[in-house]
């Protein structure tokens, strides 16, 4: 499979679909999400979130209950979505969701990778593909929030060109030096 790249102000990113071998020698396909509620692709994506470990949630996501997961997916699938597949199994999902407070000018990025696929490059390639796909769809400003204690995610986002624009200290976080959420932004 030949890979097309999309050149943006933030860098050159591979456009899905494309395949790669992850750091654990698994063949992974990164592809645009093209399904709809109730079809096989939706069910495979929803099942990726079944039994998601609570201790790996980020800011309450993904939802734990199946009905909440299905509703959440219906909501976020209105944006730009990319899925990482290992065979027939969805192992990662990245999304750009329009920010309603920004009048369609900004998109929030979220990415989820099954724990046993983390640390093998799946998240990096998934986000790269999502950024290319988003750029092709007209997305120019992407933002995200990440816990200041999440060093692997912070390294990934900085490597991709995201810059920290502010820190938040929500009331639900414990006190302490690491009790902050970083807001990061990327202009494509």
C-alpha atoms as a PDB file:
ATOM      1  CA  UNK A   1       0.000   0.000   0.000  1.00  0.00           C
ATOM      2  CA  UNK A   2       1.479   3.330  -1.101  1.00  0.00           C
ATOM      3  CA  UNK A   3       1.141   6.185   1.382  1.00  0.00           C
ATOM      4  CA  UNK A   4       0.154   9.704   0.365  1.00  0.00           C
ATOM      5  CA  UNK A   5       1.415  12.530   2.567  1.00  0.00           C
ATOM      6  CA  UNK A   6      -0.273  15.835   3.295  1.00  0.00           C
ATOM      7  CA  UNK A   7       1.920  18.881   3.846  1.00  0.00           C
ATOM      8  CA  UNK A   8       0.624  21.304   6.490  1.00  0.00           C
ATOM      9  CA  UNK A   9       2.122  24.307   8.263  1.00  0.00           C
ATOM     10  CA  UNK A  10       2.797  21.947  11.196  1.00  0.00           C
ATOM     11  CA  UNK A  11       4.528  19.263   9.152  1.00  0.00           C
ATOM     12  CA  UNK A  12       4.138  16.452   6.669  1.00  0.00           C
ATOM     13  CA  UNK A  13       1.655  13.761   7.780  1.00  0.00           C
ATOM     14  CA  UNK A  14       0.635  10.429   6.201  1.00  0.00           C
ATOM     15  CA  UNK A  15      -2.930  10.350   4.879  1.00  0.00           C
ATOM     16  CA  UNK A  16      -4.969   7.289   5.852  1.00  0.00           C
ATOM     17  CA  UNK A  17      -5.324   4.571   4.865  1.00  0.00           C
ATOM     18  CA  UNK A  18      -1.791   3.358   5.490  1.00  0.00           C
ATOM     19  CA  UNK A  19      -0.153   0.373   7.152  1.00  0.00           C
ATOM     20  CA  UNK A  20       2.837   0.171   9.455  1.00  0.00           C
ATOM     21  CA  UNK A  21       4.572  -2.309  11.725  1.00  0.00           C
ATOM     22  CA  UNK A  22       4.371  -1.184  15.337  1.00  0.00           C
ATOM     23  CA  UNK A  23       7.161  -1.462  17.893  1.00  0.00           C
ATOM     24  CA  UNK A  24       5.931  -4.929  18.906  1.00  0.00           C
ATOM     25  CA  UNK A  25       6.099  -6.214  15.281  1.00  0.00           C
ATOM     26  CA  UNK A  26       2.313  -6.118  14.750  1.00  0.00           C
ATOM     27  CA  UNK A  27       0.883  -5.056  11.398  1.00  0.00           C
ATOM     28  CA  UNK A  28      -1.471  -2.127  11.973  1.00  0.00           C
ATOM     29  CA  UNK A  29      -3.758  -0.361   9.497  1.00  0.00           C
ATOM     30  CA  UNK A  30      -4.662   3.283  10.127  1.00  0.00           C
ATOM     31  CA  UNK A  31      -7.857   4.158   8.262  1.00  0.00           C
ATOM     32  CA  UNK A  32     -10.583   6.791   8.229  1.00  0.00           C
ATOM     33  CA  UNK A  33     -13.714   5.782  10.103  1.00  0.00           C
ATOM     34  CA  UNK A  34     -16.405   5.238   7.482  1.00  0.00           C
ATOM     35  CA  UNK A  35     -19.066   3.348   9.414  1.00  0.00           C
ATOM     36  CA  UNK A  36     -22.323   4.346  10.999  1.00  0.00           C
ATOM     37  CA  UNK A  37     -24.335   3.435  14.103  1.00  0.00           C
ATOM     38  CA  UNK A  38     -25.250  -0.232  14.121  1.00  0.00           C
ATOM     39  CA  UNK A  39     -22.945  -1.398  11.327  1.00  0.00           C
ATOM     40  CA  UNK A  40     -19.943  -3.719  11.706  1.00  0.00           C
ATOM     41  CA  UNK A  41     -17.369  -0.905  11.836  1.00  0.00           C
ATOM     42  CA  UNK A  42     -19.326   0.922  14.566  1.00  0.00           C
ATOM     43  CA  UNK A  43     -19.649  -2.310  16.563  1.00  0.00           C
ATOM     44  CA  UNK A  44     -15.921  -3.051  16.224  1.00  0.00           C
ATOM     45  CA  UNK A  45     -15.093   0.466  17.398  1.00  0.00           C
ATOM     46  CA  UNK A  46     -17.591   0.310  20.266  1.00  0.00           C
ATOM     47  CA  UNK A  47     -16.212  -3.064  21.343  1.00  0.00           C
ATOM     48  CA  UNK A  48     -12.721  -1.524  21.530  1.00  0.00           C
ATOM     49  CA  UNK A  49     -14.026   0.433  24.513  1.00  0.00           C
ATOM     50  CA  UNK A  50     -15.672  -2.575  26.239  1.00  0.00           C
ATOM     51  CA  UNK A  51     -13.962  -3.220  29.553  1.00  0.00           C
ATOM     52  CA  UNK A  52     -11.753  -0.143  29.193  1.00  0.00           C
ATOM     53  CA  UNK A  53      -9.629  -0.028  32.364  1.00  0.00           C
ATOM     54  CA  UNK A  54     -10.948   2.722  34.642  1.00  0.00           C
ATOM     55  CA  UNK A  55      -7.418   3.606  35.739  1.00  0.00           C
ATOM     56  CA  UNK A  56      -6.499   4.495  32.141  1.00  0.00           C
ATOM     57  CA  UNK A  57      -9.404   6.868  31.580  1.00  0.00           C
ATOM     58  CA  UNK A  58      -8.473  10.458  30.848  1.00  0.00           C
ATOM     59  CA  UNK A  59     -10.720  13.160  32.257  1.00  0.00           C
ATOM     60  CA  UNK A  60     -13.577  10.642  32.501  1.00  0.00           C
ATOM     61  CA  UNK A  61     -13.197   9.292  28.970  1.00  0.00           C
ATOM     62  CA  UNK A  62     -13.917   6.930  27.451  1.00  0.00           C
ATOM     63  CA  UNK A  63     -17.195   6.274  29.256  1.00  0.00           C
ATOM     64  CA  UNK A  64     -17.352   2.944  31.065  1.00  0.00           C
ATOM     65  CA  UNK A  65     -21.033   2.028  30.644  1.00  0.00           C
ATOM     66  CA  UNK A  66     -21.927   0.545  27.245  1.00  0.00           C
ATOM     67  CA  UNK A  67     -24.961   2.800  26.669  1.00  0.00           C
ATOM     68  CA  UNK A  68     -22.903   5.897  27.510  1.00  0.00           C
ATOM     69  CA  UNK A  69     -20.111   4.699  25.203  1.00  0.00           C
ATOM     70  CA  UNK A  70     -22.567   4.249  22.325  1.00  0.00           C
ATOM     71  CA  UNK A  71     -24.020   7.744  22.812  1.00  0.00           C
ATOM     72  CA  UNK A  72     -20.558   9.285  23.161  1.00  0.00           C
ATOM     73  CA  UNK A  73     -19.447   7.608  19.928  1.00  0.00           C
ATOM     74  CA  UNK A  74     -22.536   8.862  18.079  1.00  0.00           C
ATOM     75  CA  UNK A  75     -21.637  12.385  19.247  1.00  0.00           C
ATOM     76  CA  UNK A  76     -17.921  12.302  18.371  1.00  0.00           C
ATOM     77  CA  UNK A  77     -18.339  10.493  15.072  1.00  0.00           C
ATOM     78  CA  UNK A  78     -19.771  13.720  13.617  1.00  0.00           C
ATOM     79  CA  UNK A  79     -16.189  14.998  13.511  1.00  0.00           C
ATOM     80  CA  UNK A  80     -13.098  13.588  11.789  1.00  0.00           C
ATOM     81  CA  UNK A  81     -12.264  10.071  13.029  1.00  0.00           C
ATOM     82  CA  UNK A  82      -9.395   7.681  12.380  1.00  0.00           C
ATOM     83  CA  UNK A  83      -9.135   4.094  13.608  1.00  0.00           C
ATOM     84  CA  UNK A  84      -6.118   1.815  14.066  1.00  0.00           C
ATOM     85  CA  UNK A  85      -6.836  -1.814  13.189  1.00  0.00           C
ATOM     86  CA  UNK A  86      -4.866  -4.945  14.051  1.00  0.00           C
ATOM     87  CA  UNK A  87      -6.558  -7.475  11.810  1.00  0.00           C
ATOM     88  CA  UNK A  88     -10.306  -7.113  12.393  1.00  0.00           C
ATOM     89  CA  UNK A  89      -9.826  -5.569  15.840  1.00  0.00           C
ATOM     90  CA  UNK A  90      -9.971  -1.825  16.502  1.00  0.00           C
ATOM     91  CA  UNK A  91      -7.003  -1.035  18.756  1.00  0.00           C
ATOM     92  CA  UNK A  92      -6.941   2.768  18.595  1.00  0.00           C
ATOM     93  CA  UNK A  93      -9.278   5.661  17.864  1.00  0.00           C
ATOM     94  CA  UNK A  94      -8.432   9.324  17.319  1.00  0.00           C
ATOM     95  CA  UNK A  95     -10.937  12.099  16.721  1.00  0.00           C
ATOM     96  CA  UNK A  96     -11.230  15.778  15.904  1.00  0.00           C
ATOM     97  CA  UNK A  97     -14.472  17.135  17.315  1.00  0.00           C
ATOM     98  CA  UNK A  98     -15.698  20.621  16.331  1.00  0.00           C
ATOM     99  CA  UNK A  99     -15.531  23.019  19.285  1.00  0.00           C
ATOM    100  CA  UNK A 100     -19.014  24.593  19.530  1.00  0.00           C
ATOM    101  CA  UNK A 101     -17.562  27.601  21.376  1.00  0.00           C
ATOM    102  CA  UNK A 102     -15.175  28.386  18.497  1.00  0.00           C
ATOM    103  CA  UNK A 103     -17.726  28.705  15.701  1.00  0.00           C
ATOM    104  CA  UNK A 104     -16.345  25.757  13.749  1.00  0.00           C
ATOM    105  CA  UNK A 105     -12.858  27.263  13.610  1.00  0.00           C
ATOM    106  CA  UNK A 106     -11.234  24.938  16.159  1.00  0.00           C
ATOM    107  CA  UNK A 107     -11.354  21.197  16.779  1.00  0.00           C
ATOM    108  CA  UNK A 108     -10.620  19.251  19.945  1.00  0.00           C
ATOM    109  CA  UNK A 109      -8.355  16.216  19.563  1.00  0.00           C
ATOM    110  CA  UNK A 110      -8.757  13.058  21.621  1.00  0.00           C
ATOM    111  CA  UNK A 111      -6.956   9.756  21.155  1.00  0.00           C
ATOM    112  CA  UNK A 112      -7.434   6.372  22.799  1.00  0.00           C
ATOM    113  CA  UNK A 113      -5.204   3.333  22.338  1.00  0.00           C
ATOM    114  CA  UNK A 114      -5.897  -0.030  23.968  1.00  0.00           C
ATOM    115  CA  UNK A 115      -3.397  -0.423  26.825  1.00  0.00           C
ATOM    116  CA  UNK A 116      -1.609  -3.461  25.350  1.00  0.00           C
ATOM    117  CA  UNK A 117      -0.917  -1.429  22.161  1.00  0.00           C
ATOM    118  CA  UNK A 118       0.432   1.626  23.983  1.00  0.00           C
ATOM    119  CA  UNK A 119       4.131   2.429  23.796  1.00  0.00           C
ATOM    120  CA  UNK A 120       4.490   0.784  20.374  1.00  0.00           C
ATOM    121  CA  UNK A 121       3.925   3.811  18.114  1.00  0.00           C
ATOM    122  CA  UNK A 122       0.221   3.212  17.464  1.00  0.00           C
ATOM    123  CA  UNK A 123      -0.878   6.492  19.073  1.00  0.00           C
ATOM    124  CA  UNK A 124       1.736   8.489  17.178  1.00  0.00           C
ATOM    125  CA  UNK A 125       0.802   7.085  13.782  1.00  0.00           C
ATOM    126  CA  UNK A 126      -2.906   7.374  14.586  1.00  0.00           C
ATOM    127  CA  UNK A 127      -2.614  11.080  15.449  1.00  0.00           C
ATOM    128  CA  UNK A 128      -0.409  11.762  12.412  1.00  0.00           C
ATOM    129  CA  UNK A 129      -3.048  10.182  10.176  1.00  0.00           C
ATOM    130  CA  UNK A 130      -5.829  12.092  11.912  1.00  0.00           C
ATOM    131  CA  UNK A 131      -4.040  15.418  11.415  1.00  0.00           C
ATOM    132  CA  UNK A 132      -3.609  14.718   7.686  1.00  0.00           C
ATOM    133  CA  UNK A 133      -7.237  13.657   7.394  1.00  0.00           C
ATOM    134  CA  UNK A 134      -8.360  16.736   9.349  1.00  0.00           C
ATOM    135  CA  UNK A 135      -6.295  19.071   7.192  1.00  0.00           C
ATOM    136  CA  UNK A 136      -7.853  17.579   4.054  1.00  0.00           C
ATOM    137  CA  UNK A 137     -11.287  18.204   5.641  1.00  0.00           C
ATOM    138  CA  UNK A 138     -10.475  21.897   6.242  1.00  0.00           C
ATOM    139  CA  UNK A 139      -9.373  21.744   9.895  1.00  0.00           C
ATOM    140  CA  UNK A 140      -6.727  24.383  10.625  1.00  0.00           C
ATOM    141  CA  UNK A 141      -6.666  24.749  14.441  1.00  0.00           C
ATOM    142  CA  UNK A 142      -6.514  21.734  16.759  1.00  0.00           C
ATOM    143  CA  UNK A 143      -6.445  21.829  20.546  1.00  0.00           C
ATOM    144  CA  UNK A 144      -6.393  19.266  23.320  1.00  0.00           C
ATOM    145  CA  UNK A 145      -6.100  18.971  27.060  1.00  0.00           C
ATOM    146  CA  UNK A 146      -3.749  16.557  28.780  1.00  0.00           C
ATOM    147  CA  UNK A 147      -2.762  15.947  32.393  1.00  0.00           C
ATOM    148  CA  UNK A 148       0.550  17.571  33.272  1.00  0.00           C
ATOM    149  CA  UNK A 149       1.618  14.214  34.781  1.00  0.00           C
ATOM    150  CA  UNK A 150       1.135  12.348  31.474  1.00  0.00           C
ATOM    151  CA  UNK A 151       4.712  12.533  30.223  1.00  0.00           C
ATOM    152  CA  UNK A 152       4.333  10.111  27.266  1.00  0.00           C
ATOM    153  CA  UNK A 153       1.379  12.083  25.868  1.00  0.00           C
ATOM    154  CA  UNK A 154       3.102  15.428  26.429  1.00  0.00           C
ATOM    155  CA  UNK A 155       6.206  14.178  24.559  1.00  0.00           C
ATOM    156  CA  UNK A 156       4.050  12.938  21.667  1.00  0.00           C
ATOM    157  CA  UNK A 157       2.122  16.184  21.314  1.00  0.00           C
ATOM    158  CA  UNK A 158       5.261  18.341  21.544  1.00  0.00           C
ATOM    159  CA  UNK A 159       7.002  16.168  18.945  1.00  0.00           C
ATOM    160  CA  UNK A 160       4.037  16.744  16.619  1.00  0.00           C
ATOM    161  CA  UNK A 161       4.314  20.522  17.089  1.00  0.00           C
ATOM    162  CA  UNK A 162       1.661  21.237  19.719  1.00  0.00           C
ATOM    163  CA  UNK A 163       2.416  24.157  22.019  1.00  0.00           C
ATOM    164  CA  UNK A 164       1.104  24.647  25.541  1.00  0.00           C
ATOM    165  CA  UNK A 165      -1.208  27.666  25.643  1.00  0.00           C
ATOM    166  CA  UNK A 166      -2.428  27.494  29.261  1.00  0.00           C
ATOM    167  CA  UNK A 167      -2.788  25.378  32.370  1.00  0.00           C
ATOM    168  CA  UNK A 168      -6.067  24.631  34.105  1.00  0.00           C
ATOM    169  CA  UNK A 169      -6.580  23.375  37.646  1.00  0.00           C
ATOM    170  CA  UNK A 170     -10.047  21.863  37.732  1.00  0.00           C
ATOM    171  CA  UNK A 171     -11.645  21.380  41.144  1.00  0.00           C
ATOM    172  CA  UNK A 172     -11.865  17.611  40.661  1.00  0.00           C
ATOM    173  CA  UNK A 173      -8.059  17.266  40.631  1.00  0.00           C
ATOM    174  CA  UNK A 174      -6.100  16.771  43.836  1.00  0.00           C
ATOM    175  CA  UNK A 175      -3.831  19.556  45.030  1.00  0.00           C
ATOM    176  CA  UNK A 176      -0.125  19.386  44.272  1.00  0.00           C
ATOM    177  CA  UNK A 177       2.499  20.340  41.709  1.00  0.00           C
ATOM    178  CA  UNK A 178       1.180  17.895  39.095  1.00  0.00           C
ATOM    179  CA  UNK A 179      -2.503  18.742  39.563  1.00  0.00           C
ATOM    180  CA  UNK A 180      -2.833  20.679  36.323  1.00  0.00           C
ATOM    181  CA  UNK A 181      -4.298  20.100  32.908  1.00  0.00           C
ATOM    182  CA  UNK A 182      -2.289  21.525  30.005  1.00  0.00           C
ATOM    183  CA  UNK A 183      -4.180  23.024  27.071  1.00  0.00           C
ATOM    184  CA  UNK A 184      -2.137  22.578  23.909  1.00  0.00           C
ATOM    185  CA  UNK A 185      -2.731  23.890  20.394  1.00  0.00           C
ATOM    186  CA  UNK A 186      -1.523  23.151  16.886  1.00  0.00           C
ATOM    187  CA  UNK A 187      -2.052  25.215  13.754  1.00  0.00           C
ATOM    188  CA  UNK A 188      -2.155  23.129  10.603  1.00  0.00           C
END
